[in-house]
Protein backbone atom coordinates (compact mmCIF):
# COMPACT_ATOMS: atom_id res chain seq x y z
CA UNK A 1 -10.01 21.64 17.40
CA UNK A 2 -11.80 18.94 18.69
CA UNK A 3 -10.56 17.11 16.46
CA UNK A 4 -7.04 18.16 16.28
CA UNK A 5 -7.10 17.32 19.61
CA UNK A 6 -7.82 14.34 18.79
CA UNK A 7 -5.45 13.65 16.29
CA UNK A 8 -2.66 14.82 18.25
CA UNK A 9 -3.54 13.86 22.07
CA UNK A 10 -2.00 10.42 21.60
CA UNK A 11 1.58 11.46 20.06
CA UNK A 12 2.09 13.93 22.09
CA UNK A 13 1.06 11.34 25.73
CA UNK A 14 3.47 8.99 23.96
CA UNK A 15 6.16 11.18 22.93
CA UNK A 16 5.82 12.40 26.53
CA UNK A 17 5.40 9.18 28.80
CA UNK A 18 9.05 7.97 26.78
CA UNK A 19 10.05 10.85 27.43
CA UNK A 20 9.38 9.84 31.89
CA UNK A 21 10.33 6.55 30.85
CA UNK A 22 14.01 8.21 29.47
CA UNK A 23 15.16 10.11 32.31
CA UNK A 24 13.64 6.90 34.45
CA UNK A 25 15.73 4.92 32.94
CA UNK A 26 19.17 6.75 32.68
CA UNK A 27 18.66 8.11 35.56
CA UNK A 28 19.80 4.56 37.59
CA UNK A 29 23.09 4.36 34.53
CA UNK A 30 24.01 8.05 34.65
CA UNK A 31 24.80 10.21 37.72
CA UNK A 32 23.39 12.85 36.08
CA UNK A 33 20.38 11.80 33.52
CA UNK A 34 19.74 15.75 32.74
CA UNK A 35 21.60 16.08 29.37
CA UNK A 36 21.03 12.57 27.58
CA UNK A 37 16.99 12.50 28.37
CA UNK A 38 17.95 15.95 26.36
CA UNK A 39 19.82 14.89 24.06
CA UNK A 40 16.79 11.61 23.32
CA UNK A 41 13.76 14.97 23.53
CA UNK A 42 15.58 15.98 19.73
CA UNK A 43 15.15 13.39 18.57
CA UNK A 44 11.94 12.09 19.25
CA UNK A 45 9.53 15.56 19.82
CA UNK A 46 10.45 15.82 16.16
CA UNK A 47 8.98 11.84 15.61
CA UNK A 48 5.82 12.88 17.87
CA UNK A 49 5.43 16.47 15.49
CA UNK A 50 5.95 14.08 12.26
CA UNK A 51 3.53 11.61 13.41
CA UNK A 52 0.44 13.21 14.62
CA UNK A 53 0.89 15.72 11.89
CA UNK A 54 1.04 12.87 9.13
CA UNK A 55 -2.00 11.16 10.69
CA UNK A 56 -3.97 14.15 10.89
CA UNK A 57 -3.60 15.06 7.47
CA UNK A 58 -4.07 11.61 6.59
CA UNK A 59 -6.68 9.68 8.51
CA UNK A 60 -8.76 12.62 9.49
CA UNK A 61 -8.61 15.16 6.72
CA UNK A 62 -8.11 13.35 3.48
CA UNK A 63 -4.90 13.74 2.52
CA UNK A 64 -4.71 17.22 2.22
CA UNK A 65 -2.85 19.62 5.15
CA UNK A 66 -3.28 23.27 5.15
CA UNK A 67 -0.08 25.06 7.40
CA UNK A 68 -2.17 26.75 10.86
CA UNK A 69 -3.96 22.31 10.57
CA UNK A 70 -0.33 22.20 10.07
CA UNK A 71 1.12 23.64 12.95
CA UNK A 72 -1.77 23.55 15.33
CA UNK A 73 -1.97 19.79 15.90
CA UNK A 74 1.99 19.88 15.66
CA UNK A 75 1.40 22.48 18.51
CA UNK A 76 -1.31 20.50 20.52
CA UNK A 77 1.26 16.97 20.76
CA UNK A 78 4.77 19.55 21.77
CA UNK A 79 2.60 21.20 23.72
CA UNK A 80 2.02 18.11 25.62
CA UNK A 81 4.85 15.84 25.19
CA UNK A 82 6.57 19.07 27.02
CA UNK A 83 3.54 19.44 30.02
CA UNK A 84 3.78 15.96 30.82
CA UNK A 85 7.95 15.46 30.36
CA UNK A 86 8.01 18.89 33.23
CA UNK A 87 4.66 16.69 35.43
CA UNK A 88 7.07 13.18 35.54
CA UNK A 89 10.27 14.70 35.52
CA UNK A 90 9.04 16.66 38.82
CA UNK A 91 7.25 13.74 40.14
CA UNK A 92 10.58 10.82 40.35
CA UNK A 93 12.63 13.92 41.54
CA UNK A 94 10.08 14.24 43.92
CA UNK A 95 10.08 11.44 45.29
CA UNK A 96 13.47 10.99 45.07
CA UNK A 97 15.08 13.19 47.01
CA UNK A 98 18.91 11.57 46.32
CA UNK A 99 18.78 12.03 42.30
CA UNK A 100 17.68 15.58 42.34
CA UNK A 101 20.71 15.70 44.55
CA UNK A 102 22.78 14.41 42.72
CA UNK A 103 22.24 15.18 40.12
CA UNK A 104 22.58 19.51 41.57
CA UNK A 105 25.99 17.98 42.90
CA UNK A 106 26.21 16.70 39.72
CA UNK A 107 25.85 20.06 37.86
CA UNK A 108 28.02 21.96 40.41
CA UNK A 109 30.87 20.21 39.96
CA UNK A 110 30.37 20.57 36.10
CA UNK A 111 29.77 24.73 37.35
CA UNK A 112 33.07 24.44 39.31
CA UNK A 113 35.12 23.07 36.69
CA UNK A 114 34.42 25.81 34.15
CA UNK A 115 34.81 28.07 35.94
CA UNK A 116 38.02 29.98 34.46
CA UNK A 117 36.14 30.00 31.51
CA UNK A 118 33.18 30.92 32.03
CA UNK A 119 34.63 34.49 34.35
CA UNK A 120 37.04 35.29 31.25
CA UNK A 121 34.03 34.71 29.03
CA UNK A 122 31.31 36.39 30.56
CA UNK A 123 33.11 38.16 34.16
CA UNK A 124 33.09 37.45 37.57
CA UNK A 125 29.79 38.87 38.19
CA UNK A 126 27.59 36.15 35.96
CA UNK A 127 29.16 33.24 37.16
CA UNK A 128 28.36 34.41 40.95
CA UNK A 129 24.51 34.98 39.52
CA UNK A 130 24.76 30.66 38.02
CA UNK A 131 26.51 29.07 41.64
CA UNK A 132 23.38 31.66 43.13
CA UNK A 133 21.28 29.85 41.33
CA UNK A 134 22.31 26.85 41.07
CA UNK A 135 22.33 26.44 44.31
CA UNK A 136 19.01 27.92 44.55
CA UNK A 137 17.07 25.08 42.53
CA UNK A 138 14.51 22.82 42.87
CA UNK A 139 13.16 19.75 41.54
CA UNK A 140 10.02 21.72 39.40
CA UNK A 141 13.71 23.74 37.46
CA UNK A 142 15.22 20.83 36.03
CA UNK A 143 11.50 19.31 35.02
CA UNK A 144 10.56 22.76 33.80
CA UNK A 145 13.96 23.38 31.73
CA UNK A 146 13.16 20.25 30.52
CA UNK A 147 10.06 20.18 29.24
CA UNK A 148 10.71 23.76 27.82
CA UNK A 149 13.65 22.34 25.94
CA UNK A 150 11.13 19.74 24.36
CA UNK A 151 8.20 22.48 23.35
CA UNK A 152 11.11 25.75 21.59
CA UNK A 153 12.44 22.76 19.22
CA UNK A 154 8.78 21.21 18.30
CA UNK A 155 7.79 24.85 17.33
CA UNK A 156 10.99 24.92 14.64
CA UNK A 157 10.03 20.65 13.59
CA UNK A 158 5.85 22.54 13.39
CA UNK A 159 6.90 25.11 10.83
CA UNK A 160 8.38 23.30 8.42
CA UNK A 161 6.98 19.81 8.80
CA UNK A 162 4.02 21.85 7.73
CA UNK A 163 5.15 23.32 5.34
CA UNK A 164 6.39 19.70 3.74
CA UNK A 165 2.90 18.83 4.11
CA UNK A 166 0.86 21.63 3.43
CA UNK A 167 -1.78 19.88 1.19
CA UNK A 168 -5.09 22.51 0.17
CA UNK A 169 -7.68 21.35 -1.77
């Protein structure tokens, strides 16, 4: 397991760091950097998983890769990326309550603007439940959401990339 971790941690760590830097940079440019950071994550995650698996196959495993090895390396890469993203964004929002309040206001505004659509499609109870959840939202919720939306696509991309790179001796 150690060799999988050693070959994947650098790409997961770099991806997590880039995600936090992206969130930080976007917070200066937009009132709600969360949506654009998620979009950036959809590009960042497959690149990090691809590079981790490719590096493992070519540099550590002599050009061979089983599906299980690819999935393991991918798991380490996207999990570390997601974890670092969660921690970094949580720290930023915890030390910048103004930014958190700004993001929360933007999200509440979007919810209010879409009130009629949500009620017509899902019902008033769903809208009220969402509104209650958003009122009680904290920095951890925003950070966790960002991290989960990096981990879930990471699983998908690990499967695809592991199948493409698979080469058994």
